């Protein structure tokens, strides 16, 4: 699992490259993907980390210009992340529905029990 900054950088690279293939990206473009302030050294470290994990391929990096592309493993990372989020939402929905059903059935049985006790007490 990637940290927030590496994930944001990989997402920006994936967005820049679109369908695939190598794209030339300037350092400023890549730095703009971060919400906070990230220094150039940190960007280089993140790019090297992504390359070591086989998420991206860097053809060259000179003077703040990078030629890179996302690898299939990098694209698969986002698909897996989306599936995990979807699965989490499905589980929450299931828990909510079961909780609502349990609450409804509990109140129904409680009301039936009160009704039964009321009529048995009147009959005596």
N, C-alpha and C. Protein backbone atom coordinates (compact mmCIF):
# COMPACT_ATOMS: atom_id res chain seq x y z
N UNK A 1 0.84 -1.17 0.00
CA UNK A 1 0.00 0.00 0.00
C UNK A 1 0.90 1.24 0.00
N UNK A 2 0.55 2.18 -0.83
CA UNK A 2 1.33 3.41 -0.95
C UNK A 2 0.86 4.45 0.06
N UNK A 3 1.78 5.33 0.43
CA UNK A 3 1.36 6.43 1.28
C UNK A 3 0.60 7.46 0.45
N UNK A 4 0.06 8.46 1.10
CA UNK A 4 -0.82 9.42 0.43
C UNK A 4 -0.10 10.19 -0.68
N UNK A 5 1.14 10.60 -0.42
CA UNK A 5 1.88 11.38 -1.43
C UNK A 5 2.25 10.53 -2.64
N UNK A 6 2.71 9.31 -2.40
CA UNK A 6 3.07 8.43 -3.52
C UNK A 6 1.83 8.08 -4.33
N UNK A 7 0.72 7.87 -3.66
CA UNK A 7 -0.52 7.57 -4.37
C UNK A 7 -0.97 8.75 -5.22
N UNK A 8 -0.86 9.97 -4.69
CA UNK A 8 -1.23 11.17 -5.44
C UNK A 8 -0.32 11.34 -6.66
N UNK A 9 0.96 11.07 -6.50
CA UNK A 9 1.90 11.18 -7.61
C UNK A 9 1.61 10.13 -8.68
N UNK A 10 1.35 8.91 -8.27
CA UNK A 10 1.02 7.86 -9.23
C UNK A 10 -0.27 8.18 -9.97
N UNK A 11 -1.23 8.75 -9.27
CA UNK A 11 -2.48 9.14 -9.91
C UNK A 11 -2.26 10.24 -10.94
N UNK A 12 -1.39 11.19 -10.63
CA UNK A 12 -1.07 12.27 -11.57
C UNK A 12 -0.35 11.72 -12.80
N UNK A 13 0.57 10.80 -12.59
CA UNK A 13 1.27 10.19 -13.72
C UNK A 13 0.29 9.41 -14.59
N UNK A 14 -0.61 8.68 -13.96
CA UNK A 14 -1.61 7.93 -14.70
C UNK A 14 -2.51 8.86 -15.49
N UNK A 15 -2.87 9.99 -14.90
CA UNK A 15 -3.71 10.98 -15.60
C UNK A 15 -2.97 11.60 -16.77
N UNK A 16 -1.71 11.93 -16.58
CA UNK A 16 -0.92 12.55 -17.64
C UNK A 16 -0.72 11.60 -18.82
N UNK A 17 -0.48 10.34 -18.53
CA UNK A 17 -0.18 9.39 -19.60
C UNK A 17 -1.42 8.87 -20.30
N UNK A 18 -2.56 9.01 -19.69
CA UNK A 18 -3.81 8.61 -20.34
C UNK A 18 -3.83 7.15 -20.74
N UNK A 19 -3.82 6.89 -22.04
CA UNK A 19 -3.94 5.53 -22.55
C UNK A 19 -2.68 4.69 -22.34
N UNK A 20 -1.59 5.32 -22.14
CA UNK A 20 -0.35 4.58 -21.96
C UNK A 20 0.76 5.20 -22.77
N UNK A 21 1.89 4.58 -22.74
CA UNK A 21 3.03 5.11 -23.45
C UNK A 21 3.78 6.14 -22.61
N UNK A 22 4.96 6.48 -23.06
CA UNK A 22 5.78 7.44 -22.34
C UNK A 22 5.28 8.86 -22.60
N UNK A 23 5.30 9.66 -21.57
CA UNK A 23 4.95 11.09 -21.67
C UNK A 23 6.05 11.88 -20.98
N UNK A 24 6.27 13.07 -21.51
CA UNK A 24 7.23 13.97 -20.90
C UNK A 24 6.49 14.86 -19.93
N UNK A 25 6.98 14.90 -18.71
CA UNK A 25 6.35 15.71 -17.66
C UNK A 25 7.42 16.55 -16.99
N UNK A 26 7.08 17.79 -16.77
CA UNK A 26 8.00 18.68 -16.06
C UNK A 26 7.80 18.52 -14.57
N UNK A 27 8.82 18.89 -13.83
CA UNK A 27 8.79 18.78 -12.38
C UNK A 27 7.61 19.55 -11.79
N UNK A 28 7.33 20.72 -12.34
CA UNK A 28 6.25 21.55 -11.82
C UNK A 28 4.89 20.87 -11.97
N UNK A 29 4.69 20.17 -13.08
CA UNK A 29 3.44 19.43 -13.29
C UNK A 29 3.25 18.37 -12.22
N UNK A 30 4.33 17.65 -11.94
CA UNK A 30 4.26 16.58 -10.95
C UNK A 30 4.11 17.13 -9.54
N UNK A 31 4.77 18.26 -9.28
CA UNK A 31 4.65 18.87 -7.95
C UNK A 31 3.26 19.44 -7.70
N UNK A 32 2.56 19.78 -8.77
CA UNK A 32 1.22 20.35 -8.61
C UNK A 32 0.20 19.32 -8.13
N UNK A 33 0.53 18.05 -8.20
CA UNK A 33 -0.40 17.01 -7.77
C UNK A 33 -0.49 16.89 -6.25
N UNK A 34 0.41 17.54 -5.54
CA UNK A 34 0.41 17.46 -4.07
C UNK A 34 -0.33 18.64 -3.49
N UNK A 35 -1.10 18.36 -2.45
CA UNK A 35 -1.84 19.42 -1.79
C UNK A 35 -0.92 20.25 -0.89
N UNK A 36 0.08 19.60 -0.32
CA UNK A 36 1.03 20.30 0.53
C UNK A 36 2.27 20.69 -0.24
N UNK A 37 3.27 21.12 0.49
CA UNK A 37 4.52 21.50 -0.16
C UNK A 37 5.46 20.30 -0.16
N UNK A 38 5.86 19.89 -1.33
CA UNK A 38 6.81 18.80 -1.49
C UNK A 38 7.99 19.36 -2.24
N UNK A 39 9.17 19.10 -1.73
CA UNK A 39 10.40 19.60 -2.34
C UNK A 39 10.82 18.70 -3.50
N UNK A 40 11.72 19.20 -4.30
CA UNK A 40 12.19 18.46 -5.48
C UNK A 40 12.87 17.15 -5.08
N UNK A 41 13.62 17.17 -3.98
CA UNK A 41 14.31 15.96 -3.52
C UNK A 41 13.28 14.89 -3.12
N UNK A 42 12.21 15.33 -2.47
CA UNK A 42 11.15 14.42 -2.07
C UNK A 42 10.46 13.83 -3.31
N UNK A 43 10.26 14.65 -4.34
CA UNK A 43 9.66 14.17 -5.59
C UNK A 43 10.55 13.12 -6.22
N UNK A 44 11.84 13.36 -6.25
CA UNK A 44 12.77 12.38 -6.83
C UNK A 44 12.74 11.07 -6.04
N UNK A 45 12.68 11.19 -4.71
CA UNK A 45 12.62 10.00 -3.87
C UNK A 45 11.35 9.21 -4.13
N UNK A 46 10.22 9.92 -4.25
CA UNK A 46 8.95 9.25 -4.52
C UNK A 46 8.96 8.57 -5.89
N UNK A 47 9.52 9.24 -6.88
CA UNK A 47 9.61 8.64 -8.22
C UNK A 47 10.48 7.39 -8.21
N UNK A 48 11.61 7.45 -7.50
CA UNK A 48 12.48 6.28 -7.41
C UNK A 48 11.78 5.14 -6.68
N UNK A 49 11.03 5.49 -5.64
CA UNK A 49 10.29 4.47 -4.88
C UNK A 49 9.23 3.81 -5.76
N UNK A 50 8.51 4.61 -6.55
CA UNK A 50 7.50 4.05 -7.45
C UNK A 50 8.13 3.18 -8.52
N UNK A 51 9.31 3.59 -8.98
CA UNK A 51 10.01 2.79 -10.00
C UNK A 51 10.51 1.47 -9.41
N UNK A 52 11.01 1.51 -8.17
CA UNK A 52 11.49 0.28 -7.52
C UNK A 52 10.34 -0.69 -7.29
N UNK A 53 9.16 -0.18 -7.01
CA UNK A 53 7.99 -1.04 -6.77
C UNK A 53 7.33 -1.50 -8.08
N UNK A 54 7.89 -1.08 -9.20
CA UNK A 54 7.40 -1.46 -10.53
C UNK A 54 6.02 -0.87 -10.84
N UNK A 55 5.74 0.33 -10.31
CA UNK A 55 4.50 1.03 -10.63
C UNK A 55 4.67 1.94 -11.84
N UNK A 56 5.90 2.47 -12.02
CA UNK A 56 6.18 3.34 -13.16
C UNK A 56 7.53 2.96 -13.76
N UNK A 57 7.75 3.45 -14.98
CA UNK A 57 9.05 3.30 -15.63
C UNK A 57 9.53 4.68 -16.01
N UNK A 58 10.75 4.99 -15.64
CA UNK A 58 11.34 6.29 -15.97
C UNK A 58 12.39 6.04 -17.05
N UNK A 59 12.16 6.65 -18.20
CA UNK A 59 13.09 6.50 -19.32
C UNK A 59 14.29 7.41 -19.11
N UNK A 60 14.03 8.66 -18.78
CA UNK A 60 15.11 9.57 -18.42
C UNK A 60 14.59 10.66 -17.52
N UNK A 61 15.51 11.25 -16.77
CA UNK A 61 15.20 12.35 -15.86
C UNK A 61 16.38 13.31 -15.89
N UNK A 62 16.18 14.46 -16.55
CA UNK A 62 17.25 15.44 -16.68
C UNK A 62 16.70 16.83 -16.48
N UNK A 63 17.34 17.58 -15.64
CA UNK A 63 17.02 19.00 -15.47
C UNK A 63 15.56 19.30 -15.17
N UNK A 64 14.92 18.49 -14.38
CA UNK A 64 13.53 18.75 -14.02
C UNK A 64 12.51 18.29 -15.05
N UNK A 65 12.97 17.53 -16.04
CA UNK A 65 12.07 16.98 -17.06
C UNK A 65 12.16 15.46 -16.98
N UNK A 66 11.00 14.82 -16.92
CA UNK A 66 10.95 13.37 -16.78
C UNK A 66 10.18 12.77 -17.94
N UNK A 67 10.69 11.66 -18.45
CA UNK A 67 9.96 10.88 -19.44
C UNK A 67 9.58 9.59 -18.73
N UNK A 68 8.29 9.41 -18.50
CA UNK A 68 7.85 8.28 -17.71
C UNK A 68 6.51 7.75 -18.19
N UNK A 69 6.18 6.57 -17.68
CA UNK A 69 4.89 5.96 -18.00
C UNK A 69 4.49 5.05 -16.84
N UNK A 70 3.19 4.88 -16.64
CA UNK A 70 2.75 3.92 -15.62
C UNK A 70 2.82 2.51 -16.18
N UNK A 71 3.23 1.59 -15.35
CA UNK A 71 3.28 0.18 -15.74
C UNK A 71 1.95 -0.49 -15.37
N UNK A 72 1.71 -1.67 -15.88
CA UNK A 72 0.45 -2.35 -15.55
C UNK A 72 0.21 -2.50 -14.05
N UNK A 73 1.29 -2.70 -13.30
CA UNK A 73 1.16 -2.82 -11.84
C UNK A 73 0.64 -1.51 -11.24
N UNK A 74 1.05 -0.39 -11.80
CA UNK A 74 0.58 0.91 -11.33
C UNK A 74 -0.89 1.13 -11.64
N UNK A 75 -1.32 0.72 -12.80
CA UNK A 75 -2.74 0.84 -13.16
C UNK A 75 -3.58 -0.12 -12.33
N UNK A 76 -3.04 -1.30 -12.06
CA UNK A 76 -3.75 -2.29 -11.26
C UNK A 76 -3.93 -1.80 -9.82
N UNK A 77 -2.98 -1.00 -9.35
CA UNK A 77 -3.07 -0.45 -7.98
C UNK A 77 -4.37 0.33 -7.80
N UNK A 78 -4.72 1.18 -8.77
CA UNK A 78 -5.93 1.98 -8.65
C UNK A 78 -7.19 1.14 -8.79
N UNK A 79 -7.15 0.14 -9.65
CA UNK A 79 -8.30 -0.75 -9.78
C UNK A 79 -8.54 -1.50 -8.47
N UNK A 80 -7.47 -1.98 -7.85
CA UNK A 80 -7.58 -2.69 -6.58
C UNK A 80 -8.10 -1.75 -5.50
N UNK A 81 -7.61 -0.53 -5.49
CA UNK A 81 -8.05 0.45 -4.51
C UNK A 81 -9.54 0.76 -4.67
N UNK A 82 -10.00 0.92 -5.89
CA UNK A 82 -11.42 1.16 -6.15
C UNK A 82 -12.28 -0.02 -5.70
N UNK A 83 -11.80 -1.23 -5.98
CA UNK A 83 -12.54 -2.42 -5.58
C UNK A 83 -12.63 -2.52 -4.07
N UNK A 84 -11.55 -2.18 -3.37
CA UNK A 84 -11.57 -2.21 -1.90
C UNK A 84 -12.56 -1.19 -1.36
N UNK A 85 -12.59 -0.01 -1.94
CA UNK A 85 -13.55 1.00 -1.49
C UNK A 85 -14.99 0.55 -1.76
N UNK A 86 -15.21 -0.03 -2.94
CA UNK A 86 -16.55 -0.52 -3.29
C UNK A 86 -16.97 -1.64 -2.34
N UNK A 87 -16.06 -2.53 -2.02
CA UNK A 87 -16.35 -3.62 -1.10
C UNK A 87 -16.67 -3.08 0.30
N UNK A 88 -15.94 -2.07 0.72
CA UNK A 88 -16.21 -1.44 2.02
C UNK A 88 -17.60 -0.80 2.05
N UNK A 89 -17.96 -0.13 0.97
CA UNK A 89 -19.30 0.47 0.91
C UNK A 89 -20.38 -0.61 0.92
N UNK A 90 -20.15 -1.70 0.21
CA UNK A 90 -21.13 -2.79 0.19
C UNK A 90 -21.31 -3.39 1.58
N UNK A 91 -20.21 -3.56 2.29
CA UNK A 91 -20.29 -4.10 3.65
C UNK A 91 -21.05 -3.15 4.58
N UNK A 92 -20.77 -1.87 4.46
CA UNK A 92 -21.49 -0.90 5.30
C UNK A 92 -22.97 -0.91 5.00
N UNK A 93 -23.31 -1.03 3.73
CA UNK A 93 -24.72 -1.09 3.34
C UNK A 93 -25.37 -2.35 3.91
N UNK A 94 -24.67 -3.47 3.83
CA UNK A 94 -25.20 -4.71 4.40
C UNK A 94 -25.43 -4.59 5.90
N UNK A 95 -24.46 -4.02 6.60
CA UNK A 95 -24.60 -3.85 8.05
C UNK A 95 -25.77 -2.93 8.37
N UNK A 96 -25.91 -1.85 7.62
CA UNK A 96 -27.02 -0.92 7.84
C UNK A 96 -28.36 -1.61 7.63
N UNK A 97 -28.48 -2.35 6.54
CA UNK A 97 -29.75 -3.03 6.25
C UNK A 97 -30.07 -4.08 7.31
N UNK A 98 -29.09 -4.86 7.72
CA UNK A 98 -29.32 -5.86 8.76
C UNK A 98 -29.66 -5.22 10.10
N UNK A 99 -29.04 -4.09 10.41
CA UNK A 99 -29.36 -3.37 11.64
C UNK A 99 -30.80 -2.85 11.61
N UNK A 100 -31.19 -2.30 10.48
CA UNK A 100 -32.56 -1.81 10.35
C UNK A 100 -33.57 -2.95 10.45
N UNK A 101 -33.27 -4.08 9.81
CA UNK A 101 -34.15 -5.24 9.88
C UNK A 101 -34.24 -5.77 11.31
N UNK A 102 -33.12 -5.84 11.99
CA UNK A 102 -33.11 -6.29 13.38
C UNK A 102 -33.90 -5.36 14.28
N UNK A 103 -33.74 -4.05 14.07
CA UNK A 103 -34.50 -3.08 14.86
C UNK A 103 -35.99 -3.20 14.61
N UNK A 104 -36.36 -3.37 13.36
CA UNK A 104 -37.78 -3.50 13.01
C UNK A 104 -38.38 -4.76 13.62
N UNK A 105 -37.68 -5.90 13.45
CA UNK A 105 -38.20 -7.15 13.99
C UNK A 105 -38.24 -7.13 15.52
N UNK A 106 -37.25 -6.53 16.14
CA UNK A 106 -37.26 -6.42 17.61
C UNK A 106 -38.42 -5.60 18.11
N UNK A 107 -38.69 -4.47 17.45
CA UNK A 107 -39.82 -3.64 17.88
C UNK A 107 -41.14 -4.33 17.59
N UNK A 108 -41.23 -5.07 16.49
CA UNK A 108 -42.45 -5.81 16.16
C UNK A 108 -42.73 -6.88 17.21
N UNK A 109 -41.73 -7.68 17.56
CA UNK A 109 -41.91 -8.71 18.57
C UNK A 109 -42.20 -8.10 19.94
N UNK A 110 -41.57 -6.98 20.25
CA UNK A 110 -41.86 -6.29 21.51
C UNK A 110 -43.31 -5.83 21.57
N UNK A 111 -43.80 -5.26 20.47
CA UNK A 111 -45.19 -4.81 20.43
C UNK A 111 -46.15 -5.99 20.53
N UNK A 112 -45.84 -7.08 19.86
CA UNK A 112 -46.68 -8.28 19.96
C UNK A 112 -46.68 -8.85 21.37
N UNK A 113 -45.56 -8.81 22.04
CA UNK A 113 -45.47 -9.29 23.41
C UNK A 113 -46.31 -8.42 24.34
N UNK A 114 -46.23 -7.12 24.18
CA UNK A 114 -47.05 -6.20 25.00
C UNK A 114 -48.53 -6.45 24.72
N UNK A 115 -48.88 -6.62 23.46
CA UNK A 115 -50.27 -6.89 23.10
C UNK A 115 -50.75 -8.19 23.73
N UNK A 116 -49.93 -9.24 23.68
CA UNK A 116 -50.27 -10.53 24.26
C UNK A 116 -50.44 -10.43 25.77
N UNK A 117 -49.53 -9.75 26.44
CA UNK A 117 -49.61 -9.58 27.88
C UNK A 117 -50.87 -8.79 28.25
N UNK A 118 -51.19 -7.77 27.50
CA UNK A 118 -52.37 -6.96 27.75
C UNK A 118 -53.64 -7.79 27.68
N UNK A 119 -53.77 -8.58 26.62
CA UNK A 119 -54.98 -9.38 26.46
C UNK A 119 -55.05 -10.57 27.43
N UNK A 120 -53.93 -11.11 27.79
CA UNK A 120 -53.93 -12.19 28.81
C UNK A 120 -54.27 -11.64 30.19
N UNK A 121 -53.83 -10.41 30.48
CA UNK A 121 -54.15 -9.81 31.76
C UNK A 121 -55.62 -9.43 31.84
N UNK A 122 -56.21 -9.03 30.73
CA UNK A 122 -57.65 -8.69 30.72
C UNK A 122 -58.50 -9.94 30.85
N UNK A 123 -58.01 -11.04 30.35
CA UNK A 123 -58.78 -12.28 30.39
C UNK A 123 -58.83 -12.89 31.78
N UNK A 124 -57.91 -12.55 32.61
CA UNK A 124 -57.87 -13.15 33.94
C UNK A 124 -58.82 -12.50 34.88
